[in-house]
Structures are given as structure tokens and as C-alpha cells.
Protein backbone atom coordinates (compact mmCIF):
# COMPACT_ATOMS: atom_id res chain seq x y z
CA MET A 1 22.26 61.68 96.63
CA ARG A 2 21.12 64.19 94.32
CA ARG A 3 23.98 66.93 95.86
CA ARG A 4 27.01 63.56 95.48
CA THR A 5 25.65 63.31 91.84
CA ALA A 6 25.90 67.15 90.89
CA VAL A 7 29.79 67.22 92.46
CA VAL A 8 30.57 64.12 90.99
CA LEU A 9 29.29 65.68 87.58
CA VAL A 10 31.18 68.57 87.71
CA VAL A 11 34.43 67.09 88.49
CA VAL A 12 33.57 65.09 85.40
CA VAL A 13 33.02 67.83 83.46
CA VAL A 14 36.52 69.92 85.05
CA ALA A 15 38.57 66.79 84.02
CA THR A 16 36.78 66.06 80.60
CA ALA A 17 37.82 69.95 80.15
CA CYS A 18 41.49 69.93 81.28
CA GLN A 19 41.66 66.93 78.91
CA ARG A 20 41.11 68.94 75.69
CA PRO A 21 43.77 69.92 73.94
CA PRO A 22 45.00 73.60 73.43
CA PRO A 23 43.16 74.79 70.44
CA HIS A 24 45.90 75.66 67.47
CA PRO A 25 47.63 78.61 67.52
CA ALA A 26 46.77 81.52 64.95
CA PRO A 27 49.37 81.35 62.03
CA SER A 28 52.35 83.89 62.16
CA PRO A 29 53.60 85.42 59.60
CA THR A 30 57.01 83.79 58.15
CA PRO A 31 60.14 86.42 58.17
CA THR A 32 61.21 86.40 54.47
CA GLY A 33 64.14 88.32 52.38
CA PRO A 34 63.48 91.56 50.58
CA ARG A 35 63.09 88.87 47.48
CA ALA A 36 60.98 87.02 45.77
CA PRO A 37 61.30 82.98 45.56
CA ALA A 38 62.18 82.38 41.78
CA ASP A 39 58.54 81.20 41.10
CA VAL A 40 56.82 84.69 41.56
CA VAL A 41 56.62 86.35 38.34
CA ASP A 42 55.01 89.61 37.32
CA LEU A 43 51.63 88.76 35.59
CA ALA A 44 51.80 91.05 32.61
CA ALA A 45 55.15 89.12 31.69
CA VAL A 46 52.63 85.69 31.90
CA ASP A 47 49.53 87.52 30.02
CA GLY A 48 49.65 91.23 29.23
CA SER A 49 45.98 91.53 28.81
CA VAL A 50 45.00 91.56 31.88
CA ARG A 51 43.89 94.73 33.34
CA THR A 52 45.35 96.21 36.45
CA ASP A 53 44.21 98.87 38.85
CA ILE A 54 46.55 98.46 42.00
CA ARG A 55 44.55 100.47 44.45
CA TYR A 56 47.32 100.27 47.14
CA ALA A 57 49.86 101.55 44.90
CA SER A 58 47.53 105.08 44.97
CA ALA A 59 45.38 107.16 46.92
CA HIS A 60 42.50 105.35 45.74
CA ASN A 61 41.93 102.99 48.82
CA PHE A 62 40.32 102.78 52.34
CA VAL A 63 42.97 104.43 53.96
CA GLY A 64 43.66 107.06 51.43
CA ARG A 65 47.10 106.91 50.51
CA PRO A 66 49.55 104.75 49.25
CA ILE A 67 50.66 101.77 51.25
CA ASP A 68 53.56 100.81 52.45
CA GLY A 69 54.81 97.66 50.50
CA TYR A 70 53.92 98.75 47.30
CA PRO A 71 56.70 101.35 45.21
CA GLU A 72 55.28 99.79 41.71
CA PRO A 73 51.82 99.15 40.45
CA LEU A 74 52.40 95.53 39.74
CA CYS A 75 50.24 91.98 40.03
CA LEU A 76 52.81 89.56 41.36
CA LEU A 77 51.74 86.17 42.10
CA THR A 78 53.40 82.86 42.08
CA ARG A 79 53.86 81.19 38.47
CA ARG A 80 50.91 78.31 39.13
CA ALA A 81 48.60 81.07 40.29
CA ALA A 82 49.32 83.61 37.27
CA ASP A 83 49.18 80.64 34.72
CA ALA A 84 46.06 79.34 35.88
CA LEU A 85 44.49 83.53 35.74
CA HIS A 86 46.34 83.01 32.20
CA ARG A 87 43.42 80.35 31.52
CA VAL A 88 41.03 82.39 33.09
CA GLN A 89 41.26 85.54 30.88
CA THR A 90 41.16 83.33 27.86
CA ALA A 91 38.04 82.18 28.70
CA ALA A 92 36.75 85.45 29.72
CA LEU A 93 38.29 87.08 26.56
CA ALA A 94 36.08 84.12 24.52
CA ARG A 95 33.17 85.71 26.22
CA GLY A 96 33.44 89.31 25.52
CA ARG A 97 35.16 90.22 28.81
CA SER A 98 38.46 90.67 30.25
CA LEU A 99 40.08 90.45 33.76
CA LYS A 100 41.19 93.52 35.71
CA VAL A 101 42.84 92.80 38.82
CA TYR A 102 42.99 95.18 41.59
CA ASP A 103 45.69 93.65 44.28
CA CYS A 104 47.59 90.50 44.12
CA TYR A 105 50.27 89.49 46.23
CA ARG A 106 50.44 91.89 49.62
CA PRO A 107 53.60 92.53 51.65
CA GLN A 108 53.56 92.01 55.37
CA ARG A 109 54.25 95.11 56.33
CA ALA A 110 51.04 96.36 53.88
CA VAL A 111 48.95 94.39 56.27
CA ASN A 112 50.56 95.91 59.34
CA GLU A 113 49.88 98.95 58.37
CA PHE A 114 45.88 98.41 57.84
CA VAL A 115 46.32 96.97 61.12
CA ALA A 116 47.99 99.58 62.86
CA TRP A 117 45.42 102.37 60.55
CA ALA A 118 42.26 100.51 62.05
CA LYS A 119 43.34 100.65 65.51
CA LEU A 120 43.24 104.44 64.47
CA PRO A 121 39.67 106.27 65.12
CA ARG A 122 40.09 109.60 64.06
CA GLU A 123 41.50 108.58 60.48
CA GLN A 124 38.59 108.10 58.55
CA GLU A 125 38.50 110.31 55.23
CA MET A 126 37.66 107.59 53.06
CA LYS A 127 34.91 106.28 54.87
CA ALA A 128 31.80 107.53 52.93
CA GLU A 129 32.98 105.57 49.95
CA PHE A 130 34.50 102.47 51.23
CA TYR A 131 33.26 101.65 54.32
CA PRO A 132 29.45 104.19 54.66
CA ASP A 133 27.20 102.21 56.86
CA LEU A 134 29.67 100.55 59.12
CA PRO A 135 31.63 101.94 62.13
CA LYS A 136 35.09 101.79 61.77
CA ASP A 137 35.49 99.75 65.19
CA ARG A 138 33.79 96.85 63.69
CA LEU A 139 36.12 96.21 60.53
CA PHE A 140 37.97 93.23 62.28
CA ALA A 141 35.20 91.87 64.27
CA ASP A 142 33.03 91.51 60.92
CA GLY A 143 36.59 90.13 58.98
CA TYR A 144 37.35 93.11 56.50
CA ILE A 145 40.48 93.40 58.03
CA GLY A 146 42.45 90.80 59.58
CA ALA A 147 46.06 89.52 59.98
CA PRO A 148 47.73 87.84 58.38
CA THR A 149 46.52 87.48 55.15
CA ALA A 150 46.37 85.02 51.68
CA HIS A 151 47.21 87.74 50.02
CA SER A 152 51.09 87.56 51.25
CA ARG A 153 51.54 84.07 50.31
CA ALA A 154 50.93 85.58 47.10
CA SER A 155 48.30 83.01 45.27
CA THR A 156 45.82 85.11 45.60
CA LEU A 157 44.03 87.88 44.18
CA ASP A 158 41.74 90.63 43.78
CA LEU A 159 39.27 90.77 40.50
CA THR A 160 36.76 91.84 38.47
CA LEU A 161 35.57 91.52 35.16
CA VAL A 162 35.42 94.35 32.58
CA PRO A 163 33.78 94.67 28.56
CA VAL A 164 35.88 94.77 26.02
CA PRO A 165 36.47 96.94 24.70
CA THR A 166 36.74 98.20 27.82
CA PRO A 167 35.58 101.98 28.46
CA ALA A 168 38.17 104.62 29.46
CA GLN A 169 38.09 105.22 33.21
CA PRO A 170 38.76 108.44 34.87
CA GLY A 171 40.92 108.68 37.40
CA TYR A 172 40.88 109.31 40.89
CA THR A 173 41.97 112.75 42.42
CA PRO A 174 42.84 112.96 46.24
CA GLY A 175 40.05 115.12 47.71
CA GLU A 176 37.42 114.95 45.05
CA PRO A 177 33.68 114.11 46.76
CA LEU A 178 33.51 110.33 47.71
CA ARG A 179 30.67 108.40 46.60
CA PRO A 180 29.64 105.53 48.29
CA CYS A 181 30.18 101.78 47.33
CA THR A 182 27.20 100.32 47.95
CA ALA A 183 25.51 102.94 45.42
CA PRO A 184 23.82 101.42 42.24
CA ALA A 185 25.96 101.54 39.38
CA GLY A 186 26.82 104.94 37.70
CA ARG A 187 26.15 106.78 40.93
CA ARG A 188 29.08 104.67 42.77
CA PHE A 189 33.12 105.81 41.61
CA ALA A 190 33.47 105.32 37.89
CA ASP A 191 34.98 102.18 37.94
CA ASP A 192 35.30 100.22 34.49
CA SER A 193 34.41 97.32 35.64
CA VAL A 194 30.79 95.19 35.06
CA ASP A 195 28.30 96.06 37.70
CA MET A 196 29.28 93.74 40.49
CA GLY A 197 26.76 95.48 42.72
CA THR A 198 29.23 97.37 44.88
CA GLY A 199 32.65 98.76 44.25
CA PHE A 200 35.94 97.32 44.98
CA ASP A 201 36.96 96.91 48.69
CA CYS A 202 33.40 97.88 49.75
CA PHE A 203 32.79 96.82 53.56
CA ASP A 204 29.15 95.83 53.38
CA PRO A 205 27.46 92.73 53.71
CA ARG A 206 26.07 93.64 50.36
CA ALA A 207 29.55 92.89 48.96
CA HIS A 208 29.28 89.73 50.30
CA THR A 209 29.19 87.28 47.03
CA ALA A 210 25.72 85.54 47.49
CA ASP A 211 24.22 88.71 48.96
CA ALA A 212 20.58 88.65 47.34
CA ARG A 213 20.01 92.44 47.38
CA VAL A 214 22.05 92.69 44.26
CA THR A 215 20.58 93.23 41.42
CA ASP A 216 19.95 90.70 39.01
CA GLN A 217 22.75 91.84 36.29
CA ALA A 218 25.04 92.45 39.25
CA ARG A 219 24.55 88.45 40.68
CA ALA A 220 24.66 87.32 36.81
CA ASN A 221 28.18 89.16 36.69
CA ARG A 222 29.14 87.74 39.86
CA GLU A 223 28.27 84.28 39.38
CA LEU A 224 30.08 84.19 35.68
CA LEU A 225 33.36 85.92 37.58
CA LYS A 226 32.81 82.71 39.73
CA ARG A 227 32.54 79.60 37.21
CA LEU A 228 35.61 80.91 35.37
CA MET A 229 37.46 81.30 38.35
CA THR A 230 36.52 78.06 40.05
CA ALA A 231 37.07 76.48 36.92
CA GLN A 232 40.73 76.78 36.83
CA GLY A 233 41.17 76.49 40.46
CA PHE A 234 40.39 79.35 42.71
CA GLU A 235 38.60 79.86 45.60
CA ASN A 236 36.12 82.24 46.26
CA TYR A 237 35.82 84.17 50.05
CA PRO A 238 32.73 84.29 50.32
CA ARG A 239 32.61 87.98 52.27
CA GLU A 240 34.08 89.24 49.40
CA TRP A 241 33.12 88.95 45.52
CA TRP A 242 36.31 90.10 44.63
CA HIS A 243 39.15 88.10 46.34
CA TYR A 244 40.11 84.63 44.97
CA ARG A 245 42.71 81.53 46.16
CA TYR A 246 43.85 79.40 44.34
CA VAL A 247 44.21 76.42 46.42
CA ASP A 248 47.12 74.62 45.10
CA GLU A 249 48.94 77.52 46.29
CA PRO A 250 53.09 76.40 46.70
CA TYR A 251 53.85 78.39 49.74
CA PRO A 252 50.09 77.46 52.16
CA ASP A 253 52.39 78.52 55.33
CA THR A 254 54.75 81.31 54.30
CA TRP A 255 53.84 84.90 54.68
CA PHE A 256 55.79 87.14 52.75
CA ASP A 257 57.44 91.03 52.89
CA PHE A 258 58.95 91.60 49.71
CA PRO A 259 58.13 94.68 48.00
CA VAL A 260 55.77 94.82 45.25
CA ALA A 261 58.67 96.10 42.46
CA ARG A 262 60.54 94.50 39.79
CA SER A 263 63.43 94.98 41.47
CA SER A 264 62.06 91.97 44.26
CA LEU A 265 61.97 89.43 41.13
CA ARG A 266 64.57 86.82 40.52
């Protein structure tokens, strides 16, 4: 009797499993042309007071070179997201702070370069700054690199707060000694950002927005940025204090690939 019951249970389990709908496939990038849609704009034309430090147009990023698709250091966003960010900037300036963006729209070709780079174990020139305590082969598994990305939908950006007036920021020189992004303020790269607990693009749990190990001041700065952004319709990615997506984005199912350049705009 017990064996017959077991057989029946196995049959029921197998039959139930066979009836389950297959999982939804992962979203795939949408082929797009070399020009942006008409409602994608240069943030500088909407609010020129927002500071920019577009890292992927330079060599100061986790790869260590300018990234494919970034011929110009611009912040391109949908008009909807840019207008919302202008409102955030107005609120930030009233508190003696300004926004500074590190990345906005990101072409699919740039994402492809990140994925290809992540598969090359010997390319670790920037490890000492951007992922000092993480093996490179963990970048995918821990969610720091993935494809596709919301950035390619042109309503997501990476940013921080800087004091007003803003101190001069030393430039980055390729080959200069690298400092861990997890080091205390004053001992990591001399970004003009307020202390956020880590540097930008820091592949480490301490960059998680709610990580308890950061100082009280860094936590307060993260919370201020989050309050300002969420008040205007942005949503934070909990693993990155700098990453925000405009929730009411106009292209939720489209991943663009036009280059970050003025010539891409209509």
C-alpha cells in the first residue's frame, strides 16, 4: 500500500510539474536605429546647473578605457526623466547641494563591451579601485554587471550629490596609483561628491544603499539623495546607492543603441 501511494504521489508531482507554465524568457535588447527618438534630450539643455562626470566617456571606470558608444561626455535622457531630474535639482539646490551625474543613457553596445570584458579574467587593471575585495568572476553572480540594463531605455541614471559651492575635482590620469573605492572619504579618489560611503561604481556590498557599515554622515547623504529622487518619481536600485530609474519611463520594453552624441538627437 505504501509503495502504491508513493507511486501515485510521484505521478501527481510529475503531472503537476508538466502543467506549470514555462518561465518568462529574459528580456532581449530591441534593435534600434542610429538616431534617438524625438523625446530624448541632452540634460544640459533642460538644466545646465546639473554637474556631469560621464565616466564611461573617459578612462576612469572599472574597465580602464573609454567605452564603445560614448564619443561625447553627455547625459542623454528621455524628456520625461530630464524634467523630473530638473525638479530634483531645484530641491537639492535649496538644500545647498547639487546633483552630479556619472552616467545616463547607455547604448547596448556599451553593455556588450562590459559583458565581453567580464569574461576576460586577465583584464583587471582597475581592480584595486573598483572591486578591491571581489574576484572578477563574481561580478555577474553578484549582480554588478548584467544585460540588458535599464540605462539603455534612456530613463535611468547614476548620480550623486555635491556641495554648493562645489570644490574643484582633480582630474584622473591613466596609470596613476589607484585607491580602493571602499576606503574612507579622503583616502579614496578625490571626487567632489559628498561622502556616500564608497566611490561610484564600487562593486562591494558597502555600496548597497542601506548597508549599515557606512558612517552616519554617509548614511544621511544617501537618504537625502533617495528622498529627493523618490519625491519626483525615481526608484533606487538597492545594490547601488547611485542608481535611479524613472518609474514612469516611456520606453519600458526598448533597449536603444544609438551613440551618446549630439548627432544622435533630433
